Amino acid sequence: MFFKKKSYQYGKLNLIFFTLSVVTKKLLFSPPKKIMKRERLILVLVLALFTFVSCKKSVIFEEKVIFPNANWAFEYKAIPFKVPLTASEKPCAVIVELDLVGVPNVEMFYAAFSMTTPKGGRTSKSLIFNFKVPKEPYIIKNSNEKTYRLTVYPKKYFSETGTYTFEVNQLSNKADNYGIQSLRLKIERVNE
């Protein structure tokens, strides 16, 4: 059985908040004469960095499904994701990522992506992961691990509040797809 791992926060933001809290504590609990220029500068830089990061893409949802033995086998054909979203006038990018270990036993991997709205509307798209010539740049973690990223919807507007159901169905004709360690769904808010 596969298992899901949810993640809503990122290390960069945690580091920023930690640094900001340490500097703020020092500024609040130190007598005004003891506050050094360096600490004021650090506070200004952290606030500027926080503003810069918040103006970039922000992750609304991320969920990862890990496959046993790095094998997206036929028995795990359909992978559903239940995502609670609020209606928004700002667009979001819907992204699917595959984490690979070693060399997969296929050069191209086909999948179907579907989205069902809270009121029952449904859209579908075909996904093609070309491991030899990727469509988007992939992330190399080390010589044995890579993450392939495919943007399904670069600017998707969610007009309804409620739980959306996203589903990724593998369309491989092989029973075993070794080398595919995990599948990740991300929804990021993007600037227009």
N, C-alpha and C. Protein backbone atom coordinates (compact mmCIF):
# COMPACT_ATOMS: atom_id res chain seq x y z
N MET A 1 0.85 -1.18 0.00
CA MET A 1 0.00 0.00 0.00
C MET A 1 0.89 1.24 0.00
N PHE A 2 0.53 2.23 -0.77
CA PHE A 2 1.28 3.48 -0.77
C PHE A 2 0.81 4.36 0.38
N PHE A 3 1.60 5.35 0.72
CA PHE A 3 1.16 6.27 1.75
C PHE A 3 1.41 7.69 1.30
N LYS A 4 0.62 8.61 1.87
CA LYS A 4 0.69 10.01 1.49
C LYS A 4 1.39 10.80 2.59
N LYS A 5 2.09 11.81 2.19
CA LYS A 5 2.77 12.68 3.12
C LYS A 5 2.40 14.11 2.75
N LYS A 6 1.75 14.83 3.65
CA LYS A 6 1.33 16.20 3.36
C LYS A 6 2.38 17.19 3.85
N SER A 7 2.51 18.25 3.11
CA SER A 7 3.46 19.29 3.49
C SER A 7 2.90 20.63 3.05
N TYR A 8 2.79 21.57 3.97
CA TYR A 8 2.26 22.88 3.64
C TYR A 8 3.28 23.99 3.86
N GLN A 9 4.42 23.68 4.48
CA GLN A 9 5.39 24.71 4.78
C GLN A 9 6.72 24.37 4.12
N TYR A 10 7.52 25.37 3.94
CA TYR A 10 8.81 25.19 3.31
C TYR A 10 9.93 25.67 4.21
N GLY A 11 11.10 25.09 4.04
CA GLY A 11 12.25 25.40 4.84
C GLY A 11 12.66 26.86 4.77
N LYS A 12 12.60 27.47 3.58
CA LYS A 12 13.01 28.86 3.45
C LYS A 12 12.17 29.77 4.32
N LEU A 13 10.84 29.57 4.28
CA LEU A 13 9.97 30.41 5.09
C LEU A 13 10.19 30.15 6.57
N ASN A 14 10.40 28.89 6.96
CA ASN A 14 10.67 28.58 8.35
C ASN A 14 11.94 29.28 8.82
N LEU A 15 12.97 29.27 7.98
CA LEU A 15 14.23 29.93 8.32
C LEU A 15 14.02 31.44 8.47
N ILE A 16 13.23 32.02 7.58
CA ILE A 16 12.96 33.45 7.66
C ILE A 16 12.21 33.78 8.94
N PHE A 17 11.17 32.99 9.25
CA PHE A 17 10.40 33.26 10.46
C PHE A 17 11.25 33.06 11.71
N PHE A 18 12.10 32.05 11.72
CA PHE A 18 12.99 31.82 12.87
C PHE A 18 13.93 33.00 13.06
N THR A 19 14.57 33.43 11.98
CA THR A 19 15.49 34.56 12.06
C THR A 19 14.76 35.82 12.51
N LEU A 20 13.58 36.03 11.95
CA LEU A 20 12.79 37.20 12.31
C LEU A 20 12.40 37.16 13.79
N SER A 21 12.02 35.98 14.31
CA SER A 21 11.63 35.89 15.71
C SER A 21 12.82 36.12 16.64
N VAL A 22 14.01 35.60 16.28
CA VAL A 22 15.20 35.80 17.11
C VAL A 22 15.57 37.28 17.16
N VAL A 23 15.58 37.91 16.00
CA VAL A 23 15.95 39.33 15.95
C VAL A 23 14.90 40.18 16.66
N THR A 24 13.63 39.86 16.47
CA THR A 24 12.57 40.62 17.12
C THR A 24 12.64 40.48 18.64
N LYS A 25 12.90 39.27 19.15
CA LYS A 25 13.05 39.07 20.59
C LYS A 25 14.17 39.95 21.14
N LYS A 26 15.28 39.93 20.43
CA LYS A 26 16.44 40.70 20.89
C LYS A 26 16.11 42.19 20.88
N LEU A 27 15.42 42.64 19.84
CA LEU A 27 15.08 44.06 19.76
C LEU A 27 14.06 44.46 20.82
N LEU A 28 13.11 43.57 21.12
CA LEU A 28 12.07 43.90 22.09
C LEU A 28 12.57 43.85 23.53
N PHE A 29 13.43 42.89 23.82
CA PHE A 29 13.85 42.69 25.20
C PHE A 29 15.20 43.30 25.53
N SER A 30 15.83 43.97 24.61
CA SER A 30 17.09 44.68 24.88
C SER A 30 16.78 46.14 25.14
N PRO A 31 17.53 46.75 26.05
CA PRO A 31 17.36 48.19 26.23
C PRO A 31 17.70 48.91 24.93
N PRO A 32 17.02 50.01 24.64
CA PRO A 32 17.22 50.70 23.37
C PRO A 32 18.67 51.09 23.09
N LYS A 33 19.45 51.39 24.11
CA LYS A 33 20.83 51.80 23.88
C LYS A 33 21.71 50.63 23.44
N LYS A 34 21.29 49.41 23.79
CA LYS A 34 22.12 48.25 23.46
C LYS A 34 21.83 47.68 22.09
N ILE A 35 20.81 48.17 21.42
CA ILE A 35 20.49 47.67 20.08
C ILE A 35 21.54 48.17 19.11
N MET A 36 22.17 47.24 18.45
CA MET A 36 23.24 47.62 17.54
C MET A 36 22.71 47.84 16.13
N LYS A 37 23.48 48.52 15.36
CA LYS A 37 23.11 48.80 13.98
C LYS A 37 23.00 47.50 13.18
N ARG A 38 23.86 46.55 13.48
CA ARG A 38 23.87 45.28 12.76
C ARG A 38 22.53 44.56 12.91
N GLU A 39 21.97 44.57 14.12
CA GLU A 39 20.69 43.89 14.34
C GLU A 39 19.56 44.61 13.62
N ARG A 40 19.61 45.93 13.59
CA ARG A 40 18.61 46.68 12.82
C ARG A 40 18.72 46.34 11.34
N LEU A 41 19.95 46.26 10.86
CA LEU A 41 20.17 45.92 9.45
C LEU A 41 19.65 44.52 9.15
N ILE A 42 19.90 43.57 10.05
CA ILE A 42 19.41 42.19 9.86
C ILE A 42 17.88 42.18 9.81
N LEU A 43 17.25 42.93 10.70
CA LEU A 43 15.79 42.99 10.71
C LEU A 43 15.25 43.56 9.39
N VAL A 44 15.86 44.62 8.91
CA VAL A 44 15.43 45.22 7.64
C VAL A 44 15.63 44.24 6.50
N LEU A 45 16.78 43.55 6.48
CA LEU A 45 17.04 42.58 5.41
C LEU A 45 16.06 41.41 5.45
N VAL A 46 15.76 40.92 6.64
CA VAL A 46 14.82 39.80 6.77
C VAL A 46 13.43 40.23 6.31
N LEU A 47 13.01 41.43 6.71
CA LEU A 47 11.71 41.91 6.27
C LEU A 47 11.66 42.09 4.75
N ALA A 48 12.76 42.60 4.17
CA ALA A 48 12.81 42.76 2.72
C ALA A 48 12.78 41.39 2.03
N LEU A 49 13.51 40.43 2.57
CA LEU A 49 13.53 39.08 2.00
C LEU A 49 12.15 38.43 2.12
N PHE A 50 11.50 38.62 3.26
CA PHE A 50 10.16 38.07 3.44
C PHE A 50 9.19 38.68 2.43
N THR A 51 9.29 39.96 2.21
CA THR A 51 8.44 40.62 1.23
C THR A 51 8.71 40.08 -0.17
N PHE A 52 9.98 39.88 -0.50
CA PHE A 52 10.36 39.35 -1.82
C PHE A 52 9.81 37.94 -2.01
N VAL A 53 9.95 37.09 -0.98
CA VAL A 53 9.48 35.71 -1.08
C VAL A 53 7.97 35.67 -1.18
N SER A 54 7.27 36.52 -0.43
CA SER A 54 5.81 36.49 -0.47
C SER A 54 5.26 37.01 -1.79
N CYS A 55 6.04 37.78 -2.53
CA CYS A 55 5.58 38.25 -3.83
C CYS A 55 5.78 37.20 -4.91
N LYS A 56 6.60 36.20 -4.65
CA LYS A 56 6.81 35.12 -5.60
C LYS A 56 5.68 34.10 -5.47
N LYS A 57 5.86 32.98 -6.14
CA LYS A 57 4.86 31.92 -6.07
C LYS A 57 4.74 31.42 -4.63
N SER A 58 3.53 31.16 -4.20
CA SER A 58 3.34 30.60 -2.87
C SER A 58 2.56 29.30 -3.02
N VAL A 59 3.00 28.31 -2.28
CA VAL A 59 2.39 26.98 -2.36
C VAL A 59 1.13 26.97 -1.52
N ILE A 60 0.03 26.61 -2.15
CA ILE A 60 -1.26 26.50 -1.46
C ILE A 60 -1.44 25.08 -0.96
N PHE A 61 -1.04 24.12 -1.77
CA PHE A 61 -1.24 22.72 -1.44
C PHE A 61 -0.10 21.90 -2.02
N GLU A 62 0.33 20.90 -1.25
CA GLU A 62 1.32 19.95 -1.74
C GLU A 62 1.07 18.63 -1.03
N GLU A 63 1.00 17.57 -1.82
CA GLU A 63 0.84 16.24 -1.25
C GLU A 63 1.67 15.27 -2.07
N LYS A 64 2.33 14.38 -1.36
CA LYS A 64 3.25 13.43 -2.01
C LYS A 64 2.78 12.01 -1.72
N VAL A 65 2.77 11.17 -2.75
CA VAL A 65 2.44 9.76 -2.61
C VAL A 65 3.71 8.98 -2.90
N ILE A 66 4.13 8.17 -1.95
CA ILE A 66 5.36 7.38 -2.10
C ILE A 66 4.99 5.95 -2.43
N PHE A 67 5.61 5.41 -3.48
CA PHE A 67 5.32 4.04 -3.92
C PHE A 67 6.34 3.07 -3.31
N PRO A 68 5.89 1.92 -2.81
CA PRO A 68 6.83 0.95 -2.26
C PRO A 68 7.76 0.41 -3.34
N ASN A 69 9.00 0.22 -2.97
CA ASN A 69 10.03 -0.33 -3.85
C ASN A 69 10.26 0.54 -5.10
N ALA A 70 9.95 1.84 -5.01
CA ALA A 70 10.11 2.75 -6.15
C ALA A 70 9.46 2.16 -7.41
N ASN A 71 8.21 1.72 -7.26
CA ASN A 71 7.50 1.07 -8.35
C ASN A 71 6.04 1.54 -8.37
N TRP A 72 5.70 2.34 -9.37
CA TRP A 72 4.30 2.73 -9.54
C TRP A 72 3.64 1.58 -10.28
N ALA A 73 3.25 0.58 -9.52
CA ALA A 73 2.72 -0.66 -10.08
C ALA A 73 1.27 -0.48 -10.51
N PHE A 74 0.79 -1.45 -11.28
CA PHE A 74 -0.56 -1.40 -11.84
C PHE A 74 -1.63 -1.33 -10.74
N GLU A 75 -1.35 -1.94 -9.60
CA GLU A 75 -2.34 -1.94 -8.51
C GLU A 75 -2.59 -0.54 -7.94
N TYR A 76 -1.68 0.41 -8.20
CA TYR A 76 -1.86 1.80 -7.77
C TYR A 76 -2.19 2.67 -8.97
N LYS A 77 -2.99 2.16 -9.86
CA LYS A 77 -3.26 2.84 -11.13
C LYS A 77 -3.78 4.26 -10.97
N ALA A 78 -4.78 4.47 -10.12
CA ALA A 78 -5.38 5.79 -9.93
C ALA A 78 -5.00 6.34 -8.56
N ILE A 79 -4.45 7.55 -8.56
CA ILE A 79 -4.04 8.20 -7.32
C ILE A 79 -4.91 9.46 -7.14
N PRO A 80 -5.82 9.44 -6.16
CA PRO A 80 -6.69 10.62 -5.94
C PRO A 80 -6.09 11.58 -4.91
N PHE A 81 -6.40 12.85 -5.08
CA PHE A 81 -6.02 13.90 -4.13
C PHE A 81 -7.27 14.72 -3.83
N LYS A 82 -7.63 14.84 -2.58
CA LYS A 82 -8.75 15.69 -2.15
C LYS A 82 -8.16 16.99 -1.64
N VAL A 83 -8.53 18.10 -2.29
CA VAL A 83 -7.91 19.39 -1.98
C VAL A 83 -8.98 20.42 -1.62
N PRO A 84 -9.01 20.88 -0.36
CA PRO A 84 -9.94 21.95 0.00
C PRO A 84 -9.39 23.29 -0.48
N LEU A 85 -10.16 24.00 -1.29
CA LEU A 85 -9.73 25.29 -1.83
C LEU A 85 -10.83 26.32 -1.64
N THR A 86 -10.41 27.56 -1.51
CA THR A 86 -11.37 28.66 -1.47
C THR A 86 -11.35 29.35 -2.82
N ALA A 87 -12.49 29.91 -3.19
CA ALA A 87 -12.58 30.61 -4.47
C ALA A 87 -11.61 31.79 -4.46
N SER A 88 -10.96 32.00 -5.60
CA SER A 88 -9.96 33.05 -5.68
C SER A 88 -9.98 33.68 -7.06
N GLU A 89 -9.71 34.96 -7.10
CA GLU A 89 -9.62 35.66 -8.38
C GLU A 89 -8.21 35.62 -8.94
N LYS A 90 -7.26 35.10 -8.17
CA LYS A 90 -5.88 35.00 -8.63
C LYS A 90 -5.63 33.61 -9.21
N PRO A 91 -4.83 33.53 -10.26
CA PRO A 91 -4.59 32.22 -10.88
C PRO A 91 -3.61 31.36 -10.06
N CYS A 92 -3.73 30.07 -10.29
CA CYS A 92 -2.84 29.11 -9.64
C CYS A 92 -2.25 28.19 -10.71
N ALA A 93 -1.06 27.70 -10.44
CA ALA A 93 -0.44 26.69 -11.29
C ALA A 93 -0.68 25.33 -10.64
N VAL A 94 -1.13 24.38 -11.43
CA VAL A 94 -1.33 23.01 -10.95
C VAL A 94 -0.20 22.18 -11.56
N ILE A 95 0.59 21.55 -10.69
CA ILE A 95 1.83 20.89 -11.11
C ILE A 95 1.84 19.45 -10.62
N VAL A 96 2.33 18.56 -11.48
CA VAL A 96 2.54 17.17 -11.11
C VAL A 96 4.04 16.90 -11.23
N GLU A 97 4.60 16.29 -10.19
CA GLU A 97 6.02 15.94 -10.20
C GLU A 97 6.20 14.45 -9.94
N LEU A 98 7.16 13.87 -10.64
CA LEU A 98 7.55 12.48 -10.40
C LEU A 98 8.98 12.46 -9.89
N ASP A 99 9.19 11.77 -8.77
CA ASP A 99 10.55 11.57 -8.25
C ASP A 99 11.04 10.22 -8.74
N LEU A 100 12.18 10.24 -9.42
CA LEU A 100 12.75 9.01 -9.97
C LEU A 100 14.00 8.61 -9.20
N VAL A 101 14.20 7.31 -9.11
CA VAL A 101 15.42 6.76 -8.52
C VAL A 101 16.04 5.85 -9.55
N GLY A 102 17.31 6.06 -9.81
CA GLY A 102 17.98 5.24 -10.81
C GLY A 102 17.46 5.53 -12.20
N VAL A 103 17.50 4.51 -13.04
CA VAL A 103 17.01 4.65 -14.41
C VAL A 103 15.67 3.94 -14.51
N PRO A 104 14.60 4.67 -14.85
CA PRO A 104 13.29 4.00 -14.95
C PRO A 104 13.28 2.99 -16.09
N ASN A 105 12.39 2.00 -16.00
CA ASN A 105 12.33 0.96 -17.03
C ASN A 105 11.53 1.40 -18.25
N VAL A 106 11.11 2.67 -18.30
CA VAL A 106 10.43 3.22 -19.48
C VAL A 106 11.06 4.56 -19.84
N GLU A 107 11.05 4.90 -21.14
CA GLU A 107 11.59 6.19 -21.57
C GLU A 107 10.52 7.28 -21.53
N MET A 108 9.28 6.87 -21.78
CA MET A 108 8.16 7.81 -21.73
C MET A 108 7.08 7.21 -20.84
N PHE A 109 6.46 8.08 -20.06
CA PHE A 109 5.44 7.63 -19.13
C PHE A 109 4.18 8.43 -19.39
N TYR A 110 3.06 7.74 -19.59
CA TYR A 110 1.80 8.38 -19.93
C TYR A 110 0.85 8.30 -18.73
N ALA A 111 0.14 9.40 -18.53
CA ALA A 111 -0.85 9.45 -17.45
C ALA A 111 -2.01 10.33 -17.87
N ALA A 112 -3.13 10.16 -17.20
CA ALA A 112 -4.30 11.02 -17.42
C ALA A 112 -4.53 11.80 -16.14
N PHE A 113 -4.80 13.08 -16.29
CA PHE A 113 -5.02 13.96 -15.15
C PHE A 113 -6.46 14.45 -15.21
N SER A 114 -7.19 14.33 -14.12
CA SER A 114 -8.56 14.85 -14.10
C SER A 114 -8.78 15.68 -12.85
N MET A 115 -9.67 16.67 -13.01
CA MET A 115 -10.02 17.55 -11.90
C MET A 115 -11.54 17.62 -11.83
N THR A 116 -12.08 17.39 -10.63
CA THR A 116 -13.52 17.48 -10.41
C THR A 116 -13.77 18.61 -9.42
N THR A 117 -14.66 19.54 -9.79
CA THR A 117 -14.97 20.68 -8.94
C THR A 117 -15.94 20.26 -7.84
N PRO A 118 -16.13 21.11 -6.83
CA PRO A 118 -17.08 20.77 -5.76
C PRO A 118 -18.51 20.55 -6.26
N LYS A 119 -18.89 21.21 -7.36
CA LYS A 119 -20.24 21.04 -7.90
C LYS A 119 -20.34 19.92 -8.94
N GLY A 120 -19.23 19.21 -9.17
CA GLY A 120 -19.27 18.05 -10.06
C GLY A 120 -18.75 18.27 -11.47
N GLY A 121 -18.34 19.48 -11.83
CA GLY A 121 -17.74 19.71 -13.15
C GLY A 121 -16.42 18.97 -13.26
N ARG A 122 -16.12 18.45 -14.45
CA ARG A 122 -14.91 17.64 -14.59
C ARG A 122 -14.15 18.02 -15.85
N THR A 123 -12.83 18.14 -15.72
CA THR A 123 -11.95 18.35 -16.88
C THR A 123 -10.84 17.32 -16.81
N SER A 124 -10.30 16.98 -18.00
CA SER A 124 -9.23 15.99 -18.07
C SER A 124 -8.15 16.45 -19.04
N LYS A 125 -6.94 15.98 -18.80
CA LYS A 125 -5.80 16.27 -19.68
C LYS A 125 -4.90 15.04 -19.73
N SER A 126 -4.19 14.91 -20.83
CA SER A 126 -3.18 13.86 -20.94
C SER A 126 -1.84 14.40 -20.47
N LEU A 127 -1.10 13.56 -19.78
CA LEU A 127 0.25 13.93 -19.32
C LEU A 127 1.25 12.98 -19.97
N ILE A 128 2.32 13.55 -20.50
CA ILE A 128 3.39 12.73 -21.08
C ILE A 128 4.69 13.15 -20.44
N PHE A 129 5.29 12.23 -19.69
CA PHE A 129 6.60 12.46 -19.10
C PHE A 129 7.63 11.79 -20.01
N ASN A 130 8.43 12.60 -20.69
CA ASN A 130 9.49 12.08 -21.54
C ASN A 130 10.77 12.14 -20.72
N PHE A 131 11.23 10.99 -20.24
CA PHE A 131 12.39 10.96 -19.38
C PHE A 131 13.69 11.22 -20.13
N LYS A 132 13.71 10.99 -21.43
CA LYS A 132 14.92 11.27 -22.23
C LYS A 132 15.04 12.75 -22.55
N VAL A 133 13.92 13.37 -22.99
CA VAL A 133 13.92 14.79 -23.34
C VAL A 133 12.75 15.45 -22.58
N PRO A 134 12.99 15.91 -21.34
CA PRO A 134 11.89 16.48 -20.57
C PRO A 134 11.39 17.80 -21.14
N LYS A 135 10.07 18.03 -21.01
CA LYS A 135 9.44 19.25 -21.50
C LYS A 135 9.86 20.46 -20.66
N GLU A 136 9.91 20.27 -19.34
CA GLU A 136 10.33 21.33 -18.42
C GLU A 136 11.62 20.89 -17.75
N PRO A 137 12.40 21.85 -17.25
CA PRO A 137 13.64 21.47 -16.56
C PRO A 137 13.33 20.59 -15.35
N TYR A 138 14.17 19.62 -15.12
CA TYR A 138 13.98 18.76 -13.98
C TYR A 138 15.05 19.06 -12.94
N ILE A 139 14.79 18.62 -11.73
CA ILE A 139 15.68 18.90 -10.61
C ILE A 139 16.51 17.65 -10.35
N ILE A 140 17.82 17.80 -10.36
CA ILE A 140 18.70 16.68 -10.05
C ILE A 140 19.11 16.80 -8.58
N LYS A 141 18.67 15.85 -7.77
CA LYS A 141 19.00 15.87 -6.35
C LYS A 141 20.40 15.33 -6.12
N ASN A 142 20.72 14.24 -6.78
CA ASN A 142 22.07 13.67 -6.80
C ASN A 142 22.16 12.81 -8.05
N SER A 143 23.25 12.09 -8.21
CA SER A 143 23.45 11.35 -9.46
C SER A 143 22.40 10.25 -9.67
N ASN A 144 21.71 9.85 -8.60
CA ASN A 144 20.77 8.75 -8.70
C ASN A 144 19.30 9.19 -8.61
N GLU A 145 19.03 10.45 -8.21
CA GLU A 145 17.66 10.90 -8.01
C GLU A 145 17.36 12.15 -8.83
N LYS A 146 16.19 12.16 -9.49
CA LYS A 146 15.75 13.30 -10.28
C LYS A 146 14.27 13.52 -10.02
N THR A 147 13.84 14.78 -10.14
CA THR A 147 12.42 15.11 -10.05
C THR A 147 11.99 15.72 -11.37
N TYR A 148 11.02 15.10 -12.01
CA TYR A 148 10.47 15.62 -13.27
C TYR A 148 9.19 16.39 -12.96
N ARG A 149 9.13 17.60 -13.46
CA ARG A 149 8.02 18.51 -13.17
C ARG A 149 7.23 18.77 -14.45
N LEU A 150 5.92 18.67 -14.35
CA LEU A 150 5.05 18.94 -15.49
C LEU A 150 3.92 19.86 -15.02
N THR A 151 3.84 21.05 -15.61
CA THR A 151 2.78 21.99 -15.26
C THR A 151 1.53 21.63 -16.06
N VAL A 152 0.51 21.18 -15.36
CA VAL A 152 -0.73 20.76 -16.01
C VAL A 152 -1.54 21.99 -16.43
N TYR A 153 -1.72 22.91 -15.50
CA TYR A 153 -2.42 24.17 -15.76
C TYR A 153 -1.52 25.31 -15.29
N PRO A 154 -0.95 26.11 -16.20
CA PRO A 154 -0.09 27.22 -15.76
C PRO A 154 -0.86 28.34 -15.06
N LYS A 155 -2.11 28.57 -15.48
CA LYS A 155 -2.95 29.60 -14.85
C LYS A 155 -4.38 29.06 -14.75
N LYS A 156 -4.67 28.46 -13.61
CA LYS A 156 -6.00 27.88 -13.37
C LYS A 156 -6.71 28.73 -12.33
N TYR A 157 -7.92 29.15 -12.63
CA TYR A 157 -8.73 29.93 -11.70
C TYR A 157 -9.72 28.99 -11.01
N PHE A 158 -9.74 29.00 -9.69
CA PHE A 158 -10.69 28.20 -8.93
C PHE A 158 -11.83 29.11 -8.52
N SER A 159 -12.98 28.94 -9.15
CA SER A 159 -14.11 29.85 -8.94
C SER A 159 -15.06 29.37 -7.85
N GLU A 160 -14.90 28.14 -7.39
CA GLU A 160 -15.80 27.59 -6.37
C GLU A 160 -15.03 27.27 -5.09
N THR A 161 -15.67 27.48 -3.96
CA THR A 161 -15.09 27.09 -2.68
C THR A 161 -15.58 25.69 -2.35
N GLY A 162 -14.66 24.85 -1.91
CA GLY A 162 -15.02 23.48 -1.54
C GLY A 162 -13.87 22.53 -1.80
N THR A 163 -14.18 21.25 -1.80
CA THR A 163 -13.16 20.22 -1.99
C THR A 163 -13.12 19.81 -3.45
N TYR A 164 -11.97 20.03 -4.06
CA TYR A 164 -11.71 19.61 -5.43
C TYR A 164 -11.06 18.23 -5.37
N THR A 165 -11.36 17.40 -6.35
CA THR A 165 -10.73 16.08 -6.44
C THR A 165 -9.85 16.06 -7.69
N PHE A 166 -8.57 15.85 -7.48
CA PHE A 166 -7.62 15.70 -8.57
C PHE A 166 -7.22 14.23 -8.61
N GLU A 167 -7.09 13.68 -9.82
CA GLU A 167 -6.72 12.27 -9.93
C GLU A 167 -5.71 12.09 -11.04
N VAL A 168 -4.67 11.33 -10.74
CA VAL A 168 -3.65 11.00 -11.74
C VAL A 168 -3.72 9.50 -11.97
N ASN A 169 -4.02 9.11 -13.21
CA ASN A 169 -4.13 7.70 -13.59
C ASN A 169 -2.95 7.35 -14.49
N GLN A 170 -2.20 6.36 -14.10
CA GLN A 170 -1.11 5.93 -14.98
C GLN A 170 -1.70 5.09 -16.11
N LEU A 171 -1.20 5.34 -17.31
CA LEU A 171 -1.72 4.66 -18.50
C LEU A 171 -0.70 3.68 -19.08
N SER A 172 0.24 3.27 -18.28
CA SER A 172 1.28 2.36 -18.75
C SER A 172 0.70 0.98 -19.01
N ASN A 173 1.21 0.33 -20.03
CA ASN A 173 0.74 -1.03 -20.32
C ASN A 173 1.60 -2.07 -19.60
N LYS A 174 2.53 -1.58 -18.77
CA LYS A 174 3.37 -2.50 -18.00
C LYS A 174 2.80 -2.66 -16.61
N ALA A 175 2.97 -3.84 -16.04
CA ALA A 175 2.49 -4.09 -14.69
C ALA A 175 3.34 -3.36 -13.67
N ASP A 176 4.63 -3.25 -13.95
CA ASP A 176 5.55 -2.58 -13.03
C ASP A 176 6.24 -1.42 -13.73
N ASN A 177 6.38 -0.32 -13.01
CA ASN A 177 7.09 0.85 -13.51
C ASN A 177 8.16 1.21 -12.49
N TYR A 178 9.23 0.43 -12.51
CA TYR A 178 10.31 0.64 -11.55
C TYR A 178 11.04 1.94 -11.83
N GLY A 179 11.49 2.55 -10.77
CA GLY A 179 12.23 3.80 -10.88
C GLY A 179 11.39 5.00 -10.50
N ILE A 180 10.06 4.87 -10.48
CA ILE A 180 9.19 5.97 -10.07
C ILE A 180 8.94 5.82 -8.58
N GLN A 181 9.62 6.66 -7.82
CA GLN A 181 9.58 6.55 -6.36
C GLN A 181 8.34 7.22 -5.77
N SER A 182 7.96 8.39 -6.32
CA SER A 182 6.82 9.09 -5.74
C SER A 182 6.18 10.03 -6.76
N LEU A 183 4.96 10.42 -6.44
CA LEU A 183 4.16 11.34 -7.24
C LEU A 183 3.76 12.48 -6.32
N ARG A 184 3.88 13.71 -6.82
CA ARG A 184 3.55 14.88 -6.01
C ARG A 184 2.61 15.79 -6.78
N LEU A 185 1.57 16.27 -6.09
CA LEU A 185 0.68 17.28 -6.65
C LEU A 185 0.94 18.58 -5.90
N LYS A 186 1.16 19.65 -6.66
CA LYS A 186 1.38 20.97 -6.08
C LYS A 186 0.41 21.96 -6.70
N ILE A 187 -0.09 22.86 -5.88
CA ILE A 187 -0.87 23.99 -6.38
C ILE A 187 -0.21 25.24 -5.83
N GLU A 188 0.24 26.10 -6.74
CA GLU A 188 0.96 27.31 -6.37
C GLU A 188 0.22 28.53 -6.88
N ARG A 189 0.12 29.54 -6.06
CA ARG A 189 -0.46 30.81 -6.53
C ARG A 189 0.60 31.53 -7.34
N VAL A 190 0.21 32.05 -8.49
CA VAL A 190 1.16 32.74 -9.36
C VAL A 190 0.70 34.19 -9.58
N ASN A 191 1.66 35.03 -9.84
CA ASN A 191 1.34 36.44 -10.17
C ASN A 191 0.96 36.53 -11.63
N GLU A 192 0.05 37.42 -11.94
CA GLU A 192 -0.39 37.59 -13.32
C GLU A 192 0.59 38.45 -14.08
